[in-house]
Amino acid sequence: MATVGAPRRFCRCACFCTENLYVARYGLHVRFRGEQQLRRDYGPLEQEVERRRRLGQESAARKALIASSYHPARPEVYDSLQDAALAPEFLAVAEYSVSPGADLKGLLQRLETVSEEKRIYRVPVFTAPFCQALLEELEHFEQSDMPKGRPNTMNNYGVLLHELGLDEPLMTPLRERFLQPLMALLYPDCGGGRLDSHRAFVVKYAPGQDLELGCHYDNAELTLNVALGKVFTGGALYFGGLFQAPTALTEPLEVEHVVGQGVLHRGGQLHGARPLGTGERWNLVVWLRASAVRNRLCPMCCCEPDLVDDEGFGDGFTREEPATVNVCALT
């Protein structure tokens, strides 16, 4: 029987404050080596650097205030994840993934292969009633006077699920019970069987707010992107190759959203979102991380990580040395 020890301490790489700083004005990710270099190459960026340095502590403070003062509209969303919230197809895929003799060939018969070359797949994840309940709760929180953190440096509208208190009841069980067995078969070379942390957030696109998302890659080994609603046109995802490839966006693949369904892809796959046409689009994005992979090579600076202690899951790095796995290779 395994013994339960102290909770694992997760970290971020120091490059979080020096590499891939997003400048919305120019739609660029830039590098920071000091004020003189910054002003010479890009102009003032100190605010973004300081924001990143304070991010962990400020997020923890927001989470504590929300936990003590916020009153949910749909409290059932905060209950432990139940099978009733999950699409039958997703339950069947998860059940197959842990069955004796399960293999990739059998799994692919139960998924939609969006692109065999790019290894992009789709599967229904949540039921329509659960999507509706979650959306109602997210809108209620959005309209409250609670403090709100940006989902990431490129999105201005949305919700960080760990701040709202949905990591423990919803996202961690989703990763541990359902996604890890599935990803272990789909992406064994990317740490799919060793996922030990995540970052989950909801992004919102609407007229007068964010309308599109520039090309980027994720700070994750693997990504799940689930369309929650509402009614909208446009906003399709587009995919290129892996970010290391020089011709990564010569022939992008477009993927339309289907409410309730999730798109699975490698974090290093270049992607973005086309402009929203009409309506509102809400998507749940889960960055899935494997410390056994990223402890060897930070995906953002492509170097051995320089670890900095952080709050919660940090950026998925740990100071321990788990059994190594192959870093996701170019294909």
C-alpha atoms as a PDB file:
ATOM      1  CA  MET A   1       0.000   0.000   0.000  1.00  0.00           C
ATOM      2  CA  ALA A   2       1.339   3.423  -0.928  1.00  0.00           C
ATOM      3  CA  THR A   3       2.020   5.824   1.915  1.00  0.00           C
ATOM      4  CA  VAL A   4       0.758   9.371   1.890  1.00  0.00           C
ATOM      5  CA  GLY A   5       3.483  11.964   2.412  1.00  0.00           C
ATOM      6  CA  ALA A   6       3.597  15.726   2.397  1.00  0.00           C
ATOM      7  CA  PRO A   7       1.945  17.433  -0.589  1.00  0.00           C
ATOM      8  CA  ARG A   8       4.288  17.876  -3.542  1.00  0.00           C
ATOM      9  CA  ARG A   9       5.654  21.372  -4.033  1.00  0.00           C
ATOM     10  CA  PHE A  10       5.300  22.635  -7.591  1.00  0.00           C
ATOM     11  CA  CYS A  11       7.430  25.337  -9.186  1.00  0.00           C
ATOM     12  CA  ARG A  12       7.698  27.534 -12.234  1.00  0.00           C
ATOM     13  CA  CYS A  13      10.706  28.117 -14.451  1.00  0.00           C
ATOM     14  CA  ALA A  14      12.431  31.485 -14.009  1.00  0.00           C
ATOM     15  CA  CYS A  15      11.930  32.054 -17.760  1.00  0.00           C
ATOM     16  CA  PHE A  16       8.287  32.896 -16.972  1.00  0.00           C
ATOM     17  CA  CYS A  17       9.519  36.441 -16.267  1.00  0.00           C
ATOM     18  CA  THR A  18      11.989  36.654 -19.156  1.00  0.00           C
ATOM     19  CA  GLU A  19      10.722  34.636 -22.149  1.00  0.00           C
ATOM     20  CA  ASN A  20       7.555  34.751 -24.260  1.00  0.00           C
ATOM     21  CA  LEU A  21       6.237  38.002 -22.786  1.00  0.00           C
ATOM     22  CA  TYR A  22       3.149  38.827 -24.829  1.00  0.00           C
ATOM     23  CA  VAL A  23       2.788  42.409 -26.128  1.00  0.00           C
ATOM     24  CA  ALA A  24      -0.840  42.760 -27.177  1.00  0.00           C
ATOM     25  CA  ARG A  25      -0.214  46.035 -28.997  1.00  0.00           C
ATOM     26  CA  TYR A  26       1.997  44.262 -31.526  1.00  0.00           C
ATOM     27  CA  GLY A  27       0.728  40.677 -31.178  1.00  0.00           C
ATOM     28  CA  LEU A  28       4.255  39.505 -30.375  1.00  0.00           C
ATOM     29  CA  HIS A  29       5.966  37.345 -27.767  1.00  0.00           C
ATOM     30  CA  VAL A  30       9.264  38.917 -26.744  1.00  0.00           C
ATOM     31  CA  ARG A  31      12.348  38.235 -24.584  1.00  0.00           C
ATOM     32  CA  PHE A  32      13.448  40.255 -21.549  1.00  0.00           C
ATOM     33  CA  ARG A  33      17.068  40.416 -20.409  1.00  0.00           C
ATOM     34  CA  GLY A  34      17.047  43.783 -18.663  1.00  0.00           C
ATOM     35  CA  GLU A  35      15.652  47.287 -18.952  1.00  0.00           C
ATOM     36  CA  GLN A  36      18.315  48.474 -21.384  1.00  0.00           C
ATOM     37  CA  GLN A  37      17.798  45.548 -23.774  1.00  0.00           C
ATOM     38  CA  LEU A  38      14.028  45.819 -23.400  1.00  0.00           C
ATOM     39  CA  ARG A  39      13.885  49.495 -24.312  1.00  0.00           C
ATOM     40  CA  ARG A  40      16.331  48.999 -27.154  1.00  0.00           C
ATOM     41  CA  ASP A  41      14.452  46.082 -28.739  1.00  0.00           C
ATOM     42  CA  TYR A  42      10.790  46.505 -27.820  1.00  0.00           C
ATOM     43  CA  GLY A  43      10.068  49.619 -25.775  1.00  0.00           C
ATOM     44  CA  PRO A  44       8.763  49.591 -22.151  1.00  0.00           C
ATOM     45  CA  LEU A  45       7.575  46.180 -20.898  1.00  0.00           C
ATOM     46  CA  GLU A  46       8.293  46.485 -17.182  1.00  0.00           C
ATOM     47  CA  GLN A  47       4.615  46.273 -16.240  1.00  0.00           C
ATOM     48  CA  GLU A  48       4.234  42.800 -17.736  1.00  0.00           C
ATOM     49  CA  VAL A  49       7.424  41.562 -16.056  1.00  0.00           C
ATOM     50  CA  GLU A  50       6.267  42.851 -12.667  1.00  0.00           C
ATOM     51  CA  ARG A  51       2.784  41.411 -13.200  1.00  0.00           C
ATOM     52  CA  ARG A  52       4.268  37.969 -13.766  1.00  0.00           C
ATOM     53  CA  ARG A  53       6.462  38.212 -10.685  1.00  0.00           C
ATOM     54  CA  ARG A  54       3.453  39.001  -8.488  1.00  0.00           C
ATOM     55  CA  LEU A  55       1.082  36.590 -10.186  1.00  0.00           C
ATOM     56  CA  GLY A  56       1.253  33.653  -7.772  1.00  0.00           C
ATOM     57  CA  GLN A  57       0.733  35.637  -4.582  1.00  0.00           C
ATOM     58  CA  GLU A  58      -2.004  37.807  -6.041  1.00  0.00           C
ATOM     59  CA  SER A  59      -3.834  34.762  -7.391  1.00  0.00           C
ATOM     60  CA  ALA A  60      -3.693  33.065  -3.980  1.00  0.00           C
ATOM     61  CA  ALA A  61      -5.100  36.207  -2.355  1.00  0.00           C
ATOM     62  CA  ARG A  62      -7.981  36.351  -4.847  1.00  0.00           C
ATOM     63  CA  LYS A  63      -8.755  32.669  -4.282  1.00  0.00           C
ATOM     64  CA  ALA A  64      -8.907  33.165  -0.511  1.00  0.00           C
ATOM     65  CA  LEU A  65     -11.248  36.154  -0.809  1.00  0.00           C
ATOM     66  CA  ILE A  66     -13.533  34.336  -3.249  1.00  0.00           C
ATOM     67  CA  ALA A  67     -13.686  31.290  -0.956  1.00  0.00           C
ATOM     68  CA  SER A  68     -14.742  33.442   1.998  1.00  0.00           C
ATOM     69  CA  SER A  69     -17.105  35.908   0.335  1.00  0.00           C
ATOM     70  CA  TYR A  70     -18.534  34.607  -2.940  1.00  0.00           C
ATOM     71  CA  HIS A  71     -22.009  33.054  -3.110  1.00  0.00           C
ATOM     72  CA  PRO A  72     -22.444  30.710  -6.121  1.00  0.00           C
ATOM     73  CA  ALA A  73     -25.554  30.699  -8.273  1.00  0.00           C
ATOM     74  CA  ARG A  74     -25.172  26.983  -9.104  1.00  0.00           C
ATOM     75  CA  PRO A  75     -23.602  25.365  -6.020  1.00  0.00           C
ATOM     76  CA  GLU A  76     -24.022  21.885  -7.505  1.00  0.00           C
ATOM     77  CA  VAL A  77     -21.206  22.687  -9.954  1.00  0.00           C
ATOM     78  CA  TYR A  78     -18.826  22.634  -6.970  1.00  0.00           C
ATOM     79  CA  ASP A  79     -19.771  19.068  -5.972  1.00  0.00           C
ATOM     80  CA  SER A  80     -17.272  16.310  -6.725  1.00  0.00           C
ATOM     81  CA  LEU A  81     -17.296  15.399 -10.407  1.00  0.00           C
ATOM     82  CA  GLN A  82     -20.027  12.884 -11.168  1.00  0.00           C
ATOM     83  CA  ASP A  83     -20.389  10.621 -14.195  1.00  0.00           C
ATOM     84  CA  ALA A  84     -23.718  12.311 -14.915  1.00  0.00           C
ATOM     85  CA  ALA A  85     -21.830  15.471 -15.940  1.00  0.00           C
ATOM     86  CA  LEU A  86     -19.848  13.588 -18.570  1.00  0.00           C
ATOM     87  CA  ALA A  87     -20.932  12.628 -22.070  1.00  0.00           C
ATOM     88  CA  PRO A  88     -21.589   8.895 -22.558  1.00  0.00           C
ATOM     89  CA  GLU A  89     -18.978   8.812 -25.337  1.00  0.00           C
ATOM     90  CA  PHE A  90     -16.351  10.237 -22.984  1.00  0.00           C
ATOM     91  CA  LEU A  91     -17.207   7.709 -20.277  1.00  0.00           C
ATOM     92  CA  ALA A  92     -16.908   4.908 -22.832  1.00  0.00           C
ATOM     93  CA  VAL A  93     -13.507   6.171 -23.995  1.00  0.00           C
ATOM     94  CA  ALA A  94     -12.270   6.438 -20.411  1.00  0.00           C
ATOM     95  CA  GLU A  95     -13.561   2.955 -19.579  1.00  0.00           C
ATOM     96  CA  TYR A  96     -11.836   1.491 -22.613  1.00  0.00           C
ATOM     97  CA  SER A  97      -8.562   3.263 -21.780  1.00  0.00           C
ATOM     98  CA  VAL A  98      -8.219   1.394 -18.467  1.00  0.00           C
ATOM     99  CA  SER A  99      -9.454  -1.947 -19.746  1.00  0.00           C
ATOM    100  CA  PRO A 100      -7.063  -4.913 -20.122  1.00  0.00           C
ATOM    101  CA  GLY A 101      -5.462  -4.958 -23.556  1.00  0.00           C
ATOM    102  CA  ALA A 102      -6.438  -1.388 -24.434  1.00  0.00           C
ATOM    103  CA  ASP A 103      -4.270   0.027 -27.207  1.00  0.00           C
ATOM    104  CA  LEU A 104      -4.081   3.016 -29.515  1.00  0.00           C
ATOM    105  CA  LYS A 105      -5.787   1.274 -32.414  1.00  0.00           C
ATOM    106  CA  GLY A 106      -8.796   0.394 -30.311  1.00  0.00           C
ATOM    107  CA  LEU A 107      -8.945   3.853 -28.777  1.00  0.00           C
ATOM    108  CA  LEU A 108      -8.928   5.598 -32.160  1.00  0.00           C
ATOM    109  CA  GLN A 109     -12.047   3.648 -33.109  1.00  0.00           C
ATOM    110  CA  ARG A 110     -13.808   5.485 -30.277  1.00  0.00           C
ATOM    111  CA  LEU A 111     -12.530   9.013 -31.047  1.00  0.00           C
ATOM    112  CA  GLU A 112     -12.789  11.395 -33.970  1.00  0.00           C
ATOM    113  CA  THR A 113      -9.383  11.829 -35.580  1.00  0.00           C
ATOM    114  CA  VAL A 114      -9.258  15.457 -36.703  1.00  0.00           C
ATOM    115  CA  SER A 115      -5.732  15.136 -38.094  1.00  0.00           C
ATOM    116  CA  GLU A 116      -3.675  11.961 -38.042  1.00  0.00           C
ATOM    117  CA  GLU A 117      -0.571  13.897 -39.101  1.00  0.00           C
ATOM    118  CA  LYS A 118      -0.912  16.537 -36.375  1.00  0.00           C
ATOM    119  CA  ARG A 119      -2.294  14.037 -33.837  1.00  0.00           C
ATOM    120  CA  ILE A 120      -5.370  16.146 -33.100  1.00  0.00           C
ATOM    121  CA  TYR A 121      -8.487  14.374 -31.836  1.00  0.00           C
ATOM    122  CA  ARG A 122     -12.014  15.236 -30.701  1.00  0.00           C
ATOM    123  CA  VAL A 123     -14.466  13.605 -28.305  1.00  0.00           C
ATOM    124  CA  PRO A 124     -17.647  14.730 -26.494  1.00  0.00           C
ATOM    125  CA  VAL A 125     -16.681  15.566 -22.887  1.00  0.00           C
ATOM    126  CA  PHE A 126     -19.591  17.169 -21.014  1.00  0.00           C
ATOM    127  CA  THR A 127     -23.353  16.824 -21.271  1.00  0.00           C
ATOM    128  CA  ALA A 128     -25.424  19.778 -22.457  1.00  0.00           C
ATOM    129  CA  PRO A 129     -27.053  20.293 -19.001  1.00  0.00           C
ATOM    130  CA  PHE A 130     -23.640  20.424 -17.316  1.00  0.00           C
ATOM    131  CA  CYS A 131     -22.303  22.916 -19.887  1.00  0.00           C
ATOM    132  CA  GLN A 132     -25.358  25.091 -19.244  1.00  0.00           C
ATOM    133  CA  ALA A 133     -24.976  24.910 -15.463  1.00  0.00           C
ATOM    134  CA  LEU A 134     -21.268  25.718 -15.628  1.00  0.00           C
ATOM    135  CA  LEU A 135     -21.909  28.655 -17.970  1.00  0.00           C
ATOM    136  CA  GLU A 136     -24.567  30.058 -15.649  1.00  0.00           C
ATOM    137  CA  GLU A 137     -22.134  29.865 -12.744  1.00  0.00           C
ATOM    138  CA  LEU A 138     -19.330  31.491 -14.719  1.00  0.00           C
ATOM    139  CA  GLU A 139     -21.591  34.348 -15.831  1.00  0.00           C
ATOM    140  CA  HIS A 140     -22.794  34.854 -12.265  1.00  0.00           C
ATOM    141  CA  PHE A 141     -19.184  35.107 -11.093  1.00  0.00           C
ATOM    142  CA  GLU A 142     -18.303  37.428 -13.968  1.00  0.00           C
ATOM    143  CA  GLN A 143     -21.087  39.801 -12.919  1.00  0.00           C
ATOM    144  CA  SER A 144     -20.122  39.718  -9.234  1.00  0.00           C
ATOM    145  CA  ASP A 145     -17.855  42.229  -7.508  1.00  0.00           C
ATOM    146  CA  MET A 146     -15.256  39.557  -6.742  1.00  0.00           C
ATOM    147  CA  PRO A 147     -11.673  40.168  -7.954  1.00  0.00           C
ATOM    148  CA  LYS A 148     -10.827  38.381 -11.183  1.00  0.00           C
ATOM    149  CA  GLY A 149      -7.509  37.334 -12.696  1.00  0.00           C
ATOM    150  CA  ARG A 150      -6.845  37.192 -16.429  1.00  0.00           C
ATOM    151  CA  PRO A 151      -6.900  33.625 -17.809  1.00  0.00           C
ATOM    152  CA  ASN A 152      -3.488  34.168 -19.441  1.00  0.00           C
ATOM    153  CA  THR A 153      -1.393  36.896 -21.059  1.00  0.00           C
ATOM    154  CA  MET A 154      -3.284  36.747 -24.367  1.00  0.00           C
ATOM    155  CA  ASN A 155      -6.898  36.551 -23.105  1.00  0.00           C
ATOM    156  CA  ASN A 156      -8.469  39.438 -21.183  1.00  0.00           C
ATOM    157  CA  TYR A 157     -11.857  37.875 -20.430  1.00  0.00           C
ATOM    158  CA  GLY A 158     -12.566  34.613 -18.637  1.00  0.00           C
ATOM    159  CA  VAL A 159     -12.085  32.812 -15.339  1.00  0.00           C
ATOM    160  CA  LEU A 160      -9.232  30.969 -13.631  1.00  0.00           C
ATOM    161  CA  LEU A 161     -10.912  27.839 -12.286  1.00  0.00           C
ATOM    162  CA  HIS A 162      -8.538  27.319  -9.351  1.00  0.00           C
ATOM    163  CA  GLU A 163      -9.373  30.817  -8.073  1.00  0.00           C
ATOM    164  CA  LEU A 164     -13.075  30.015  -8.287  1.00  0.00           C
ATOM    165  CA  GLY A 165     -12.557  26.816  -6.272  1.00  0.00           C
ATOM    166  CA  LEU A 166     -13.238  24.371  -9.115  1.00  0.00           C
ATOM    167  CA  ASP A 167      -9.830  22.691  -9.294  1.00  0.00           C
ATOM    168  CA  GLU A 168     -10.322  20.190  -6.474  1.00  0.00           C
ATOM    169  CA  PRO A 169     -13.904  19.065  -7.186  1.00  0.00           C
ATOM    170  CA  LEU A 170     -13.879  19.263 -10.981  1.00  0.00           C
ATOM    171  CA  MET A 171     -10.552  19.588 -12.765  1.00  0.00           C
ATOM    172  CA  THR A 172      -8.308  17.320 -10.686  1.00  0.00           C
ATOM    173  CA  PRO A 173     -10.716  14.342 -10.897  1.00  0.00           C
ATOM    174  CA  LEU A 174     -11.152  15.000 -14.628  1.00  0.00           C
ATOM    175  CA  ARG A 175      -7.385  14.820 -15.119  1.00  0.00           C
ATOM    176  CA  GLU A 176      -6.647  11.916 -12.793  1.00  0.00           C
ATOM    177  CA  ARG A 177      -9.609   9.611 -13.447  1.00  0.00           C
ATOM    178  CA  PHE A 178     -10.397  10.274 -17.094  1.00  0.00           C
ATOM    179  CA  LEU A 179      -7.811  12.247 -19.045  1.00  0.00           C
ATOM    180  CA  GLN A 180      -4.617  10.549 -17.889  1.00  0.00           C
ATOM    181  CA  PRO A 181      -5.564   7.000 -19.023  1.00  0.00           C
ATOM    182  CA  LEU A 182      -6.775   8.415 -22.339  1.00  0.00           C
ATOM    183  CA  MET A 183      -3.682  10.574 -22.881  1.00  0.00           C
ATOM    184  CA  ALA A 184      -1.380   7.710 -21.916  1.00  0.00           C
ATOM    185  CA  LEU A 185      -2.561   5.856 -25.024  1.00  0.00           C
ATOM    186  CA  LEU A 186      -2.732   8.872 -27.333  1.00  0.00           C
ATOM    187  CA  TYR A 187       0.501  10.619 -26.346  1.00  0.00           C
ATOM    188  CA  PRO A 188       2.851   8.286 -24.445  1.00  0.00           C
ATOM    189  CA  ASP A 189       5.868  10.163 -25.857  1.00  0.00           C
ATOM    190  CA  CYS A 190       4.597  13.469 -24.415  1.00  0.00           C
ATOM    191  CA  GLY A 191       4.151  12.292 -20.831  1.00  0.00           C
ATOM    192  CA  GLY A 192       0.483  11.414 -21.330  1.00  0.00           C
ATOM    193  CA  GLY A 193       0.701   8.713 -18.690  1.00  0.00           C
ATOM    194  CA  ARG A 194       2.512  10.931 -16.183  1.00  0.00           C
ATOM    195  CA  LEU A 195       0.227  13.966 -15.961  1.00  0.00           C
ATOM    196  CA  ASP A 196       0.546  15.305 -12.422  1.00  0.00           C
ATOM    197  CA  SER A 197      -0.710  18.896 -12.628  1.00  0.00           C
ATOM    198  CA  HIS A 198      -2.753  21.233 -14.760  1.00  0.00           C
ATOM    199  CA  ARG A 199      -3.834  24.823 -15.317  1.00  0.00           C
ATOM    200  CA  ALA A 200      -7.512  25.207 -16.187  1.00  0.00           C
ATOM    201  CA  PHE A 201      -9.281  28.360 -17.263  1.00  0.00           C
ATOM    202  CA  VAL A 202     -12.303  29.497 -19.231  1.00  0.00           C
ATOM    203  CA  VAL A 203     -11.931  32.068 -22.002  1.00  0.00           C
ATOM    204  CA  LYS A 204     -14.709  34.295 -23.284  1.00  0.00           C
ATOM    205  CA  TYR A 205     -15.040  35.920 -26.719  1.00  0.00           C
ATOM    206  CA  ALA A 206     -17.732  38.528 -27.324  1.00  0.00           C
ATOM    207  CA  PRO A 207     -18.351  41.773 -29.242  1.00  0.00           C
ATOM    208  CA  GLY A 208     -16.505  44.629 -27.567  1.00  0.00           C
ATOM    209  CA  GLN A 209     -14.221  42.153 -25.767  1.00  0.00           C
ATOM    210  CA  ASP A 210     -11.723  39.609 -27.093  1.00  0.00           C
ATOM    211  CA  LEU A 211     -12.678  38.523 -30.609  1.00  0.00           C
ATOM    212  CA  GLU A 212      -9.769  36.332 -31.721  1.00  0.00           C
ATOM    213  CA  LEU A 213      -6.553  34.760 -30.496  1.00  0.00           C
ATOM    214  CA  GLY A 214      -3.173  35.100 -32.142  1.00  0.00           C
ATOM    215  CA  CYS A 215      -0.976  32.166 -33.039  1.00  0.00           C
ATOM    216  CA  HIS A 216       0.833  30.639 -30.060  1.00  0.00           C
ATOM    217  CA  TYR A 217       1.726  27.396 -28.346  1.00  0.00           C
ATOM    218  CA  ASP A 218       0.761  26.319 -24.842  1.00  0.00           C
ATOM    219  CA  ASN A 219       2.853  26.020 -21.698  1.00  0.00           C
ATOM    220  CA  ALA A 220       1.723  22.412 -21.442  1.00  0.00           C
ATOM    221  CA  GLU A 221       2.624  18.954 -22.626  1.00  0.00           C
ATOM    222  CA  LEU A 222      -0.978  18.378 -23.754  1.00  0.00           C
ATOM    223  CA  THR A 223      -4.123  20.465 -24.047  1.00  0.00           C
ATOM    224  CA  LEU A 224      -7.873  19.866 -23.831  1.00  0.00           C
ATOM    225  CA  ASN A 225     -10.122  22.590 -25.296  1.00  0.00           C
ATOM    226  CA  VAL A 226     -13.867  22.157 -24.689  1.00  0.00           C
ATOM    227  CA  ALA A 227     -16.520  24.419 -26.254  1.00  0.00           C
ATOM    228  CA  LEU A 228     -19.073  25.292 -23.541  1.00  0.00           C
ATOM    229  CA  GLY A 229     -21.320  27.608 -25.610  1.00  0.00           C
ATOM    230  CA  LYS A 230     -23.155  29.852 -26.174  1.00  0.00           C
ATOM    231  CA  VAL A 231     -24.605  30.521 -29.642  1.00  0.00           C
ATOM    232  CA  PHE A 232     -21.982  32.005 -31.968  1.00  0.00           C
ATOM    233  CA  THR A 233     -20.540  32.051 -35.451  1.00  0.00           C
ATOM    234  CA  GLY A 234     -16.889  32.136 -36.429  1.00  0.00           C
ATOM    235  CA  GLY A 235     -14.061  31.665 -33.939  1.00  0.00           C
ATOM    236  CA  ALA A 236     -12.748  28.418 -35.449  1.00  0.00           C
ATOM    237  CA  LEU A 237      -9.485  27.029 -34.123  1.00  0.00           C
ATOM    238  CA  TYR A 238      -6.587  26.790 -36.543  1.00  0.00           C
ATOM    239  CA  PHE A 239      -3.518  24.577 -36.196  1.00  0.00           C
ATOM    240  CA  GLY A 240      -0.070  24.589 -37.733  1.00  0.00           C
ATOM    241  CA  GLY A 241       2.850  22.321 -36.981  1.00  0.00           C
ATOM    242  CA  LEU A 242       4.906  22.069 -33.814  1.00  0.00           C
ATOM    243  CA  PHE A 243       6.452  25.379 -32.790  1.00  0.00           C
ATOM    244  CA  GLN A 244       9.987  24.108 -33.416  1.00  0.00           C
ATOM    245  CA  ALA A 245       9.241  23.581 -37.120  1.00  0.00           C
ATOM    246  CA  PRO A 246      10.223  26.476 -39.456  1.00  0.00           C
ATOM    247  CA  THR A 247       7.225  25.949 -41.771  1.00  0.00           C
ATOM    248  CA  ALA A 248       4.777  25.474 -38.950  1.00  0.00           C
ATOM    249  CA  LEU A 249       1.953  27.665 -40.325  1.00  0.00           C
ATOM    250  CA  THR A 250       2.213  27.225 -44.089  1.00  0.00           C
ATOM    251  CA  GLU A 251      -0.966  25.116 -44.311  1.00  0.00           C
ATOM    252  CA  PRO A 252      -3.088  25.680 -41.182  1.00  0.00           C
ATOM    253  CA  LEU A 253      -5.881  23.245 -40.356  1.00  0.00           C
ATOM    254  CA  GLU A 254      -9.183  24.797 -39.258  1.00  0.00           C
ATOM    255  CA  VAL A 255     -11.397  23.078 -36.683  1.00  0.00           C
ATOM    256  CA  GLU A 256     -14.918  24.266 -35.905  1.00  0.00           C
ATOM    257  CA  HIS A 257     -16.186  24.258 -32.322  1.00  0.00           C
ATOM    258  CA  VAL A 258     -18.923  21.836 -31.266  1.00  0.00           C
ATOM    259  CA  VAL A 259     -20.539  22.635 -27.911  1.00  0.00           C
ATOM    260  CA  GLY A 260     -19.745  19.962 -25.321  1.00  0.00           C
ATOM    261  CA  GLN A 261     -16.943  18.453 -27.373  1.00  0.00           C
ATOM    262  CA  GLY A 262     -13.251  18.672 -26.554  1.00  0.00           C
ATOM    263  CA  VAL A 263     -10.286  18.974 -28.913  1.00  0.00           C
ATOM    264  CA  LEU A 264      -7.120  17.183 -27.782  1.00  0.00           C
ATOM    265  CA  HIS A 265      -3.707  18.277 -29.032  1.00  0.00           C
ATOM    266  CA  ARG A 266      -0.055  18.575 -28.088  1.00  0.00           C
ATOM    267  CA  GLY A 267       0.845  21.743 -26.220  1.00  0.00           C
ATOM    268  CA  GLY A 268       3.621  22.527 -28.664  1.00  0.00           C
ATOM    269  CA  GLN A 269       1.228  22.598 -31.613  1.00  0.00           C
ATOM    270  CA  LEU A 270       0.985  26.127 -32.974  1.00  0.00           C
ATOM    271  CA  HIS A 271      -2.631  27.270 -32.940  1.00  0.00           C
ATOM    272  CA  GLY A 272      -4.956  30.245 -32.606  1.00  0.00           C
ATOM    273  CA  ALA A 273      -8.587  31.260 -33.045  1.00  0.00           C
ATOM    274  CA  ARG A 274     -10.195  33.031 -35.989  1.00  0.00           C
ATOM    275  CA  PRO A 275     -12.273  36.183 -35.316  1.00  0.00           C
ATOM    276  CA  LEU A 276     -15.679  35.721 -33.725  1.00  0.00           C
ATOM    277  CA  GLY A 277     -18.523  36.517 -36.097  1.00  0.00           C
ATOM    278  CA  THR A 278     -21.572  36.894 -33.880  1.00  0.00           C
ATOM    279  CA  GLY A 279     -22.702  35.872 -30.395  1.00  0.00           C
ATOM    280  CA  GLU A 280     -20.575  34.781 -27.433  1.00  0.00           C
ATOM    281  CA  ARG A 281     -18.108  31.899 -27.281  1.00  0.00           C
ATOM    282  CA  TRP A 282     -16.955  30.347 -23.982  1.00  0.00           C
ATOM    283  CA  ASN A 283     -14.319  27.602 -23.944  1.00  0.00           C
ATOM    284  CA  LEU A 284     -12.747  25.584 -21.160  1.00  0.00           C
ATOM    285  CA  VAL A 285      -9.019  25.132 -21.721  1.00  0.00           C
ATOM    286  CA  VAL A 286      -6.989  22.659 -19.652  1.00  0.00           C
ATOM    287  CA  TRP A 287      -3.210  22.713 -19.893  1.00  0.00           C
ATOM    288  CA  LEU A 288      -2.066  19.234 -18.863  1.00  0.00           C
ATOM    289  CA  ARG A 289       1.455  18.979 -17.485  1.00  0.00           C
ATOM    290  CA  ALA A 290       3.902  16.161 -16.715  1.00  0.00           C
ATOM    291  CA  SER A 291       6.779  17.129 -14.435  1.00  0.00           C
ATOM    292  CA  ALA A 292       8.684  14.046 -15.640  1.00  0.00           C
ATOM    293  CA  VAL A 293       8.916  15.773 -19.031  1.00  0.00           C
ATOM    294  CA  ARG A 294       9.179  19.456 -18.192  1.00  0.00           C
ATOM    295  CA  ASN A 295      11.662  18.996 -15.357  1.00  0.00           C
ATOM    296  CA  ARG A 296      14.157  18.105 -18.089  1.00  0.00           C
ATOM    297  CA  LEU A 297      13.283  20.823 -20.591  1.00  0.00           C
ATOM    298  CA  CYS A 298      11.132  23.905 -20.081  1.00  0.00           C
ATOM    299  CA  PRO A 299       8.801  24.166 -23.106  1.00  0.00           C
ATOM    300  CA  MET A 300       8.887  27.962 -23.037  1.00  0.00           C
ATOM    301  CA  CYS A 301      12.635  28.657 -23.006  1.00  0.00           C
ATOM    302  CA  CYS A 302      13.708  25.221 -24.344  1.00  0.00           C
ATOM    303  CA  CYS A 303      16.383  25.001 -21.641  1.00  0.00           C
ATOM    304  CA  GLU A 304      16.822  23.113 -18.394  1.00  0.00           C
ATOM    305  CA  PRO A 305      14.396  24.883 -16.043  1.00  0.00           C
ATOM    306  CA  ASP A 306      15.682  27.326 -13.441  1.00  0.00           C
ATOM    307  CA  LEU A 307      13.140  26.552 -10.716  1.00  0.00           C
ATOM    308  CA  VAL A 308      11.369  29.170  -8.624  1.00  0.00           C
ATOM    309  CA  ASP A 309       8.938  28.135  -5.870  1.00  0.00           C
ATOM    310  CA  ASP A 310       5.354  29.071  -6.690  1.00  0.00           C
ATOM    311  CA  GLU A 311       1.782  28.788  -5.432  1.00  0.00           C
ATOM    312  CA  GLY A 312      -0.473  25.800  -6.118  1.00  0.00           C
ATOM    313  CA  PHE A 313       0.560  23.810  -9.181  1.00  0.00           C
ATOM    314  CA  GLY A 314       2.878  26.611 -10.301  1.00  0.00           C
ATOM    315  CA  ASP A 315       3.825  25.858 -13.886  1.00  0.00           C
ATOM    316  CA  GLY A 316       4.007  22.120 -13.271  1.00  0.00           C
ATOM    317  CA  PHE A 317       7.714  21.768 -12.410  1.00  0.00           C
ATOM    318  CA  THR A 318       8.915  19.934  -9.314  1.00  0.00           C
ATOM    319  CA  ARG A 319      12.220  19.718  -7.483  1.00  0.00           C
ATOM    320  CA  GLU A 320      11.931  15.939  -7.206  1.00  0.00           C
ATOM    321  CA  GLU A 321      13.346  13.713  -9.916  1.00  0.00           C
ATOM    322  CA  PRO A 322      10.507  11.469 -11.160  1.00  0.00           C
ATOM    323  CA  ALA A 323      11.242   8.627 -13.520  1.00  0.00           C
ATOM    324  CA  THR A 324      12.082  10.189 -16.877  1.00  0.00           C
ATOM    325  CA  VAL A 325      10.082   9.820 -20.045  1.00  0.00           C
ATOM    326  CA  ASN A 326      10.914  10.782 -23.601  1.00  0.00           C
ATOM    327  CA  VAL A 327      10.318  14.441 -24.388  1.00  0.00           C
ATOM    328  CA  CYS A 328       7.589  14.802 -27.009  1.00  0.00           C
ATOM    329  CA  ALA A 329       9.432  14.411 -30.284  1.00  0.00           C
ATOM    330  CA  LEU A 330       8.853  16.186 -33.563  1.00  0.00           C
ATOM    331  CA  THR A 331       6.759  14.146 -35.947  1.00  0.00           C
END
